[in-house]
Amino acid sequence: MANVKFKFNRAGLEQAANQAVLNWAAEHQPVLDRVFASHAGKPVDEVKAAVVSAWRAKTGKTLPDADATSWATPISEGQRLVLQPKR
């Protein structure tokens, strides 16, 4: 049996992970931008319902309530929410 050696490239893995998150954010940002355009400044509950609906239409998945609320709040306050990796 042959010996196989692997060299782990942590920096490369982190770069690939960051790029994947950036790609995901770029793909999903238009969902929040549409909600912002149509619901900025409206009550949080109304914005939240729009976020949940738009997210389900895009992904086919339910957005967790905590995320829906944290995304709807700045939109309700008239702030554009930008998806980006945590630093």
PDB file of N, CA and C in Angstrom:
ATOM      1  N   MET A   1       0.848  -1.178   0.000  1.00  0.00           N
ATOM      2  CA  MET A   1       0.000   0.000   0.000  1.00  0.00           C
ATOM      3  C   MET A   1       0.890   1.236   0.000  1.00  0.00           C
ATOM      4  N   ALA A   2       0.556   2.199  -0.844  1.00  0.00           N
ATOM      5  CA  ALA A   2       1.346   3.419  -0.966  1.00  0.00           C
ATOM      6  C   ALA A   2       0.978   4.409   0.129  1.00  0.00           C
ATOM      7  N   ASN A   3       1.981   5.110   0.588  1.00  0.00           N
ATOM      8  CA  ASN A   3       1.739   6.185   1.553  1.00  0.00           C
ATOM      9  C   ASN A   3       1.312   7.438   0.801  1.00  0.00           C
ATOM     10  N   VAL A   4       0.293   8.079   1.292  1.00  0.00           N
ATOM     11  CA  VAL A   4      -0.199   9.302   0.680  1.00  0.00           C
ATOM     12  C   VAL A   4      -0.075  10.424   1.704  1.00  0.00           C
ATOM     13  N   LYS A   5       0.507  11.530   1.252  1.00  0.00           N
ATOM     14  CA  LYS A   5       0.651  12.683   2.140  1.00  0.00           C
ATOM     15  C   LYS A   5      -0.240  13.805   1.633  1.00  0.00           C
ATOM     16  N   PHE A   6      -0.886  14.457   2.565  1.00  0.00           N
ATOM     17  CA  PHE A   6      -1.724  15.600   2.249  1.00  0.00           C
ATOM     18  C   PHE A   6      -1.148  16.822   2.935  1.00  0.00           C
ATOM     19  N   LYS A   7      -1.165  17.907   2.213  1.00  0.00           N
ATOM     20  CA  LYS A   7      -0.761  19.178   2.802  1.00  0.00           C
ATOM     21  C   LYS A   7      -2.005  20.050   2.864  1.00  0.00           C
ATOM     22  N   PHE A   8      -2.372  20.470   4.047  1.00  0.00           N
ATOM     23  CA  PHE A   8      -3.578  21.256   4.262  1.00  0.00           C
ATOM     24  C   PHE A   8      -3.258  22.727   4.048  1.00  0.00           C
ATOM     25  N   ASN A   9      -4.001  23.358   3.164  1.00  0.00           N
ATOM     26  CA  ASN A   9      -3.810  24.773   2.869  1.00  0.00           C
ATOM     27  C   ASN A   9      -4.935  25.565   3.537  1.00  0.00           C
ATOM     28  N   ARG A  10      -4.712  25.950   4.771  1.00  0.00           N
ATOM     29  CA  ARG A  10      -5.736  26.653   5.549  1.00  0.00           C
ATOM     30  C   ARG A  10      -6.128  27.988   4.894  1.00  0.00           C
ATOM     31  N   ALA A  11      -5.155  28.735   4.426  1.00  0.00           N
ATOM     32  CA  ALA A  11      -5.452  30.025   3.794  1.00  0.00           C
ATOM     33  C   ALA A  11      -6.291  29.822   2.535  1.00  0.00           C
ATOM     34  N   GLY A  12      -5.970  28.803   1.767  1.00  0.00           N
ATOM     35  CA  GLY A  12      -6.740  28.510   0.561  1.00  0.00           C
ATOM     36  C   GLY A  12      -8.169  28.116   0.889  1.00  0.00           C
ATOM     37  N   LEU A  13      -8.333  27.331   1.928  1.00  0.00           N
ATOM     38  CA  LEU A  13      -9.668  26.922   2.358  1.00  0.00           C
ATOM     39  C   LEU A  13     -10.476  28.127   2.830  1.00  0.00           C
ATOM     40  N   GLU A  14      -9.864  28.995   3.603  1.00  0.00           N
ATOM     41  CA  GLU A  14     -10.550  30.196   4.074  1.00  0.00           C
ATOM     42  C   GLU A  14     -10.926  31.107   2.907  1.00  0.00           C
ATOM     43  N   GLN A  15     -10.040  31.231   1.928  1.00  0.00           N
ATOM     44  CA  GLN A  15     -10.329  32.051   0.757  1.00  0.00           C
ATOM     45  C   GLN A  15     -11.501  31.466  -0.033  1.00  0.00           C
ATOM     46  N   ALA A  16     -11.521  30.158  -0.194  1.00  0.00           N
ATOM     47  CA  ALA A  16     -12.624  29.509  -0.913  1.00  0.00           C
ATOM     48  C   ALA A  16     -13.934  29.691  -0.164  1.00  0.00           C
ATOM     49  N   ALA A  17     -13.895  29.572   1.164  1.00  0.00           N
ATOM     50  CA  ALA A  17     -15.106  29.747   1.969  1.00  0.00           C
ATOM     51  C   ALA A  17     -15.613  31.185   1.863  1.00  0.00           C
ATOM     52  N   ASN A  18     -14.720  32.153   1.945  1.00  0.00           N
ATOM     53  CA  ASN A  18     -15.124  33.560   1.821  1.00  0.00           C
ATOM     54  C   ASN A  18     -15.719  33.836   0.450  1.00  0.00           C
ATOM     55  N   GLN A  19     -15.139  33.263  -0.590  1.00  0.00           N
ATOM     56  CA  GLN A  19     -15.662  33.470  -1.933  1.00  0.00           C
ATOM     57  C   GLN A  19     -17.051  32.856  -2.070  1.00  0.00           C
ATOM     58  N   ALA A  20     -17.250  31.691  -1.466  1.00  0.00           N
ATOM     59  CA  ALA A  20     -18.567  31.050  -1.512  1.00  0.00           C
ATOM     60  C   ALA A  20     -19.615  31.922  -0.827  1.00  0.00           C
ATOM     61  N   VAL A  21     -19.269  32.522   0.294  1.00  0.00           N
ATOM     62  CA  VAL A  21     -20.200  33.404   1.006  1.00  0.00           C
ATOM     63  C   VAL A  21     -20.482  34.652   0.173  1.00  0.00           C
ATOM     64  N   LEU A  22     -19.465  35.213  -0.440  1.00  0.00           N
ATOM     65  CA  LEU A  22     -19.664  36.394  -1.286  1.00  0.00           C
ATOM     66  C   LEU A  22     -20.568  36.064  -2.480  1.00  0.00           C
ATOM     67  N   ASN A  23     -20.370  34.906  -3.078  1.00  0.00           N
ATOM     68  CA  ASN A  23     -21.213  34.490  -4.205  1.00  0.00           C
ATOM     69  C   ASN A  23     -22.658  34.311  -3.757  1.00  0.00           C
ATOM     70  N   TRP A  24     -22.843  33.668  -2.596  1.00  0.00           N
ATOM     71  CA  TRP A  24     -24.186  33.463  -2.054  1.00  0.00           C
ATOM     72  C   TRP A  24     -24.854  34.816  -1.811  1.00  0.00           C
ATOM     73  N   ALA A  25     -24.127  35.739  -1.203  1.00  0.00           N
ATOM     74  CA  ALA A  25     -24.681  37.067  -0.906  1.00  0.00           C
ATOM     75  C   ALA A  25     -25.060  37.793  -2.193  1.00  0.00           C
ATOM     76  N   ALA A  26     -24.209  37.725  -3.195  1.00  0.00           N
ATOM     77  CA  ALA A  26     -24.500  38.397  -4.461  1.00  0.00           C
ATOM     78  C   ALA A  26     -25.742  37.815  -5.131  1.00  0.00           C
ATOM     79  N   GLU A  27     -25.938  36.513  -4.994  1.00  0.00           N
ATOM     80  CA  GLU A  27     -27.108  35.858  -5.592  1.00  0.00           C
ATOM     81  C   GLU A  27     -28.401  36.218  -4.864  1.00  0.00           C
ATOM     82  N   HIS A  28     -28.312  36.408  -3.546  1.00  0.00           N
ATOM     83  CA  HIS A  28     -29.509  36.635  -2.736  1.00  0.00           C
ATOM     84  C   HIS A  28     -29.788  38.107  -2.423  1.00  0.00           C
ATOM     85  N   GLN A  29     -28.822  38.990  -2.642  1.00  0.00           N
ATOM     86  CA  GLN A  29     -29.014  40.416  -2.355  1.00  0.00           C
ATOM     87  C   GLN A  29     -30.208  41.012  -3.097  1.00  0.00           C
ATOM     88  N   PRO A  30     -30.441  40.637  -4.362  1.00  0.00           N
ATOM     89  CA  PRO A  30     -31.592  41.223  -5.065  1.00  0.00           C
ATOM     90  C   PRO A  30     -32.933  40.978  -4.373  1.00  0.00           C
ATOM     91  N   VAL A  31     -33.051  39.887  -3.630  1.00  0.00           N
ATOM     92  CA  VAL A  31     -34.292  39.615  -2.889  1.00  0.00           C
ATOM     93  C   VAL A  31     -34.525  40.734  -1.877  1.00  0.00           C
ATOM     94  N   LEU A  32     -33.512  41.054  -1.107  1.00  0.00           N
ATOM     95  CA  LEU A  32     -33.651  42.110  -0.095  1.00  0.00           C
ATOM     96  C   LEU A  32     -33.782  43.484  -0.733  1.00  0.00           C
ATOM     97  N   ASP A  33     -33.117  43.688  -1.861  1.00  0.00           N
ATOM     98  CA  ASP A  33     -33.232  44.977  -2.535  1.00  0.00           C
ATOM     99  C   ASP A  33     -34.653  45.215  -3.048  1.00  0.00           C
ATOM    100  N   ARG A  34     -35.306  44.169  -3.540  1.00  0.00           N
ATOM    101  CA  ARG A  34     -36.697  44.317  -3.990  1.00  0.00           C
ATOM    102  C   ARG A  34     -37.616  44.644  -2.816  1.00  0.00           C
ATOM    103  N   VAL A  35     -37.402  43.970  -1.696  1.00  0.00           N
ATOM    104  CA  VAL A  35     -38.220  44.261  -0.507  1.00  0.00           C
ATOM    105  C   VAL A  35     -37.939  45.685  -0.039  1.00  0.00           C
ATOM    106  N   PHE A  36     -36.680  46.080  -0.046  1.00  0.00           N
ATOM    107  CA  PHE A  36     -36.347  47.450   0.356  1.00  0.00           C
ATOM    108  C   PHE A  36     -37.052  48.467  -0.539  1.00  0.00           C
ATOM    109  N   ALA A  37     -37.026  48.232  -1.830  1.00  0.00           N
ATOM    110  CA  ALA A  37     -37.636  49.168  -2.781  1.00  0.00           C
ATOM    111  C   ALA A  37     -39.142  49.308  -2.564  1.00  0.00           C
ATOM    112  N   SER A  38     -39.774  48.216  -2.162  1.00  0.00           N
ATOM    113  CA  SER A  38     -41.230  48.254  -2.027  1.00  0.00           C
ATOM    114  C   SER A  38     -41.722  48.483  -0.597  1.00  0.00           C
ATOM    115  N   HIS A  39     -40.850  48.266   0.411  1.00  0.00           N
ATOM    116  CA  HIS A  39     -41.328  48.315   1.794  1.00  0.00           C
ATOM    117  C   HIS A  39     -40.510  49.196   2.739  1.00  0.00           C
ATOM    118  N   ALA A  40     -39.505  49.888   2.250  1.00  0.00           N
ATOM    119  CA  ALA A  40     -38.696  50.738   3.140  1.00  0.00           C
ATOM    120  C   ALA A  40     -39.588  51.715   3.879  1.00  0.00           C
ATOM    121  N   GLY A  41     -39.390  51.804   5.176  1.00  0.00           N
ATOM    122  CA  GLY A  41     -40.149  52.743   5.996  1.00  0.00           C
ATOM    123  C   GLY A  41     -41.487  52.237   6.488  1.00  0.00           C
ATOM    124  N   LYS A  42     -41.888  51.061   6.059  1.00  0.00           N
ATOM    125  CA  LYS A  42     -43.167  50.495   6.513  1.00  0.00           C
ATOM    126  C   LYS A  42     -42.956  49.761   7.842  1.00  0.00           C
ATOM    127  N   PRO A  43     -44.046  49.430   8.548  1.00  0.00           N
ATOM    128  CA  PRO A  43     -43.925  48.751   9.841  1.00  0.00           C
ATOM    129  C   PRO A  43     -43.161  47.428   9.728  1.00  0.00           C
ATOM    130  N   VAL A  44     -42.423  47.111  10.786  1.00  0.00           N
ATOM    131  CA  VAL A  44     -41.579  45.912  10.807  1.00  0.00           C
ATOM    132  C   VAL A  44     -42.372  44.660  10.439  1.00  0.00           C
ATOM    133  N   ASP A  45     -43.566  44.491  10.994  1.00  0.00           N
ATOM    134  CA  ASP A  45     -44.342  43.282  10.709  1.00  0.00           C
ATOM    135  C   ASP A  45     -44.680  43.154   9.228  1.00  0.00           C
ATOM    136  N   GLU A  46     -44.960  44.275   8.590  1.00  0.00           N
ATOM    137  CA  GLU A  46     -45.271  44.258   7.156  1.00  0.00           C
ATOM    138  C   GLU A  46     -44.019  43.928   6.337  1.00  0.00           C
ATOM    139  N   VAL A  47     -42.898  44.526   6.715  1.00  0.00           N
ATOM    140  CA  VAL A  47     -41.636  44.252   6.024  1.00  0.00           C
ATOM    141  C   VAL A  47     -41.228  42.794   6.241  1.00  0.00           C
ATOM    142  N   LYS A  48     -41.397  42.332   7.458  1.00  0.00           N
ATOM    143  CA  LYS A  48     -41.033  40.953   7.791  1.00  0.00           C
ATOM    144  C   LYS A  48     -41.821  39.968   6.931  1.00  0.00           C
ATOM    145  N   ALA A  49     -43.104  40.188   6.776  1.00  0.00           N
ATOM    146  CA  ALA A  49     -43.930  39.308   5.948  1.00  0.00           C
ATOM    147  C   ALA A  49     -43.440  39.322   4.504  1.00  0.00           C
ATOM    148  N   ALA A  50     -43.045  40.492   4.017  1.00  0.00           N
ATOM    149  CA  ALA A  50     -42.536  40.596   2.646  1.00  0.00           C
ATOM    150  C   ALA A  50     -41.194  39.883   2.502  1.00  0.00           C
ATOM    151  N   VAL A  51     -40.329  40.019   3.506  1.00  0.00           N
ATOM    152  CA  VAL A  51     -39.025  39.338   3.477  1.00  0.00           C
ATOM    153  C   VAL A  51     -39.226  37.833   3.454  1.00  0.00           C
ATOM    154  N   VAL A  52     -40.082  37.337   4.332  1.00  0.00           N
ATOM    155  CA  VAL A  52     -40.338  35.894   4.410  1.00  0.00           C
ATOM    156  C   VAL A  52     -40.901  35.380   3.091  1.00  0.00           C
ATOM    157  N   SER A  53     -41.833  36.090   2.529  1.00  0.00           N
ATOM    158  CA  SER A  53     -42.454  35.687   1.270  1.00  0.00           C
ATOM    159  C   SER A  53     -41.445  35.692   0.117  1.00  0.00           C
ATOM    160  N   ALA A  54     -40.663  36.758   0.023  1.00  0.00           N
ATOM    161  CA  ALA A  54     -39.670  36.870  -1.045  1.00  0.00           C
ATOM    162  C   ALA A  54     -38.590  35.807  -0.905  1.00  0.00           C
ATOM    163  N   TRP A  55     -38.197  35.530   0.340  1.00  0.00           N
ATOM    164  CA  TRP A  55     -37.163  34.519   0.575  1.00  0.00           C
ATOM    165  C   TRP A  55     -37.658  33.142   0.166  1.00  0.00           C
ATOM    166  N   ARG A  56     -38.886  32.823   0.532  1.00  0.00           N
ATOM    167  CA  ARG A  56     -39.459  31.525   0.166  1.00  0.00           C
ATOM    168  C   ARG A  56     -39.574  31.398  -1.359  1.00  0.00           C
ATOM    169  N   ALA A  57     -39.963  32.484  -2.027  1.00  0.00           N
ATOM    170  CA  ALA A  57     -40.087  32.463  -3.481  1.00  0.00           C
ATOM    171  C   ALA A  57     -38.735  32.221  -4.150  1.00  0.00           C
ATOM    172  N   LYS A  58     -37.670  32.794  -3.589  1.00  0.00           N
ATOM    173  CA  LYS A  58     -36.327  32.645  -4.164  1.00  0.00           C
ATOM    174  C   LYS A  58     -35.722  31.291  -3.863  1.00  0.00           C
ATOM    175  N   THR A  59     -35.852  30.848  -2.600  1.00  0.00           N
ATOM    176  CA  THR A  59     -35.104  29.671  -2.152  1.00  0.00           C
ATOM    177  C   THR A  59     -35.951  28.419  -1.973  1.00  0.00           C
ATOM    178  N   GLY A  60     -37.262  28.610  -1.830  1.00  0.00           N
ATOM    179  CA  GLY A  60     -38.121  27.472  -1.515  1.00  0.00           C
ATOM    180  C   GLY A  60     -38.018  27.052  -0.059  1.00  0.00           C
ATOM    181  N   LYS A  61     -37.357  27.872   0.745  1.00  0.00           N
ATOM    182  CA  LYS A  61     -37.135  27.546   2.156  1.00  0.00           C
ATOM    183  C   LYS A  61     -37.721  28.634   3.056  1.00  0.00           C
ATOM    184  N   THR A  62     -37.984  28.243   4.286  1.00  0.00           N
ATOM    185  CA  THR A  62     -38.479  29.176   5.283  1.00  0.00           C
ATOM    186  C   THR A  62     -37.309  29.903   5.917  1.00  0.00           C
ATOM    187  N   LEU A  63     -37.402  31.213   6.001  1.00  0.00           N
ATOM    188  CA  LEU A  63     -36.387  32.018   6.674  1.00  0.00           C
ATOM    189  C   LEU A  63     -36.663  31.966   8.173  1.00  0.00           C
ATOM    190  N   PRO A  64     -35.664  31.622   8.988  1.00  0.00           N
ATOM    191  CA  PRO A  64     -35.890  31.600  10.436  1.00  0.00           C
ATOM    192  C   PRO A  64     -36.422  32.949  10.938  1.00  0.00           C
ATOM    193  N   ASP A  65     -37.311  32.891  11.906  1.00  0.00           N
ATOM    194  CA  ASP A  65     -37.966  34.087  12.430  1.00  0.00           C
ATOM    195  C   ASP A  65     -36.971  35.139  12.893  1.00  0.00           C
ATOM    196  N   ALA A  66     -35.916  34.712  13.579  1.00  0.00           N
ATOM    197  CA  ALA A  66     -34.924  35.674  14.070  1.00  0.00           C
ATOM    198  C   ALA A  66     -34.253  36.406  12.913  1.00  0.00           C
ATOM    199  N   ASP A  67     -33.936  35.703  11.838  1.00  0.00           N
ATOM    200  CA  ASP A  67     -33.331  36.340  10.668  1.00  0.00           C
ATOM    201  C   ASP A  67     -34.331  37.282  10.004  1.00  0.00           C
ATOM    202  N   ALA A  68     -35.562  36.823   9.871  1.00  0.00           N
ATOM    203  CA  ALA A  68     -36.592  37.661   9.245  1.00  0.00           C
ATOM    204  C   ALA A  68     -36.744  38.978  10.002  1.00  0.00           C
ATOM    205  N   THR A  69     -36.770  38.900  11.317  1.00  0.00           N
ATOM    206  CA  THR A  69     -36.911  40.108  12.137  1.00  0.00           C
ATOM    207  C   THR A  69     -35.683  40.998  12.020  1.00  0.00           C
ATOM    208  N   SER A  70     -34.480  40.397  12.093  1.00  0.00           N
ATOM    209  CA  SER A  70     -33.265  41.221  12.036  1.00  0.00           C
ATOM    210  C   SER A  70     -33.062  41.835  10.654  1.00  0.00           C
ATOM    211  N   TRP A  71     -33.577  41.220   9.616  1.00  0.00           N
ATOM    212  CA  TRP A  71     -33.480  41.789   8.274  1.00  0.00           C
ATOM    213  C   TRP A  71     -34.576  42.834   8.052  1.00  0.00           C
ATOM    214  N   ALA A  72     -35.753  42.591   8.594  1.00  0.00           N
ATOM    215  CA  ALA A  72     -36.874  43.513   8.379  1.00  0.00           C
ATOM    216  C   ALA A  72     -36.693  44.827   9.136  1.00  0.00           C
ATOM    217  N   THR A  73     -36.066  44.777  10.283  1.00  0.00           N
ATOM    218  CA  THR A  73     -35.946  45.968  11.119  1.00  0.00           C
ATOM    219  C   THR A  73     -35.217  47.115  10.420  1.00  0.00           C
ATOM    220  N   PRO A  74     -34.015  46.903   9.871  1.00  0.00           N
ATOM    221  CA  PRO A  74     -33.370  48.043   9.208  1.00  0.00           C
ATOM    222  C   PRO A  74     -34.131  48.517   7.971  1.00  0.00           C
ATOM    223  N   ILE A  75     -34.752  47.596   7.242  1.00  0.00           N
ATOM    224  CA  ILE A  75     -35.542  47.999   6.075  1.00  0.00           C
ATOM    225  C   ILE A  75     -36.699  48.878   6.529  1.00  0.00           C
ATOM    226  N   SER A  76     -37.328  48.502   7.620  1.00  0.00           N
ATOM    227  CA  SER A  76     -38.418  49.303   8.180  1.00  0.00           C
ATOM    228  C   SER A  76     -37.940  50.699   8.566  1.00  0.00           C
ATOM    229  N   GLU A  77     -36.689  50.792   8.986  1.00  0.00           N
ATOM    230  CA  GLU A  77     -36.101  52.072   9.389  1.00  0.00           C
ATOM    231  C   GLU A  77     -35.537  52.846   8.200  1.00  0.00           C
ATOM    232  N   GLY A  78     -35.742  52.303   6.984  1.00  0.00           N
ATOM    233  CA  GLY A  78     -35.283  52.991   5.782  1.00  0.00           C
ATOM    234  C   GLY A  78     -33.842  52.739   5.415  1.00  0.00           C
ATOM    235  N   GLN A  79     -33.241  51.707   6.012  1.00  0.00           N
ATOM    236  CA  GLN A  79     -31.845  51.375   5.738  1.00  0.00           C
ATOM    237  C   GLN A  79     -31.763  50.165   4.812  1.00  0.00           C
ATOM    238  N   ARG A  80     -30.955  50.253   3.777  1.00  0.00           N
ATOM    239  CA  ARG A  80     -30.745  49.121   2.880  1.00  0.00           C
ATOM    240  C   ARG A  80     -29.868  48.099   3.590  1.00  0.00           C
ATOM    241  N   LEU A  81     -30.365  46.876   3.642  1.00  0.00           N
ATOM    242  CA  LEU A  81     -29.619  45.784   4.258  1.00  0.00           C
ATOM    243  C   LEU A  81     -28.718  45.149   3.213  1.00  0.00           C
ATOM    244  N   VAL A  82     -27.437  44.974   3.537  1.00  0.00           N
ATOM    245  CA  VAL A  82     -26.483  44.381   2.617  1.00  0.00           C
ATOM    246  C   VAL A  82     -25.968  43.078   3.203  1.00  0.00           C
ATOM    247  N   LEU A  83     -26.158  41.986   2.459  1.00  0.00           N
ATOM    248  CA  LEU A  83     -25.648  40.693   2.894  1.00  0.00           C
ATOM    249  C   LEU A  83     -24.133  40.667   2.671  1.00  0.00           C
ATOM    250  N   GLN A  84     -23.400  40.278   3.722  1.00  0.00           N
ATOM    251  CA  GLN A  84     -21.955  40.195   3.615  1.00  0.00           C
ATOM    252  C   GLN A  84     -21.431  39.239   4.670  1.00  0.00           C
ATOM    253  N   PRO A  85     -20.238  38.700   4.444  1.00  0.00           N
ATOM    254  CA  PRO A  85     -19.685  37.762   5.422  1.00  0.00           C
ATOM    255  C   PRO A  85     -19.389  38.461   6.750  1.00  0.00           C
ATOM    256  N   LYS A  86     -19.504  37.705   7.818  1.00  0.00           N
ATOM    257  CA  LYS A  86     -19.099  38.225   9.122  1.00  0.00           C
ATOM    258  C   LYS A  86     -17.577  38.295   9.144  1.00  0.00           C
ATOM    259  N   ARG A  87     -17.080  39.310   9.723  1.00  0.00           N
ATOM    260  CA  ARG A  87     -15.608  39.466   9.799  1.00  0.00           C
ATOM    261  C   ARG A  87     -15.143  39.231  11.204  1.00  0.00           C
TER     262      ARG A  87
END
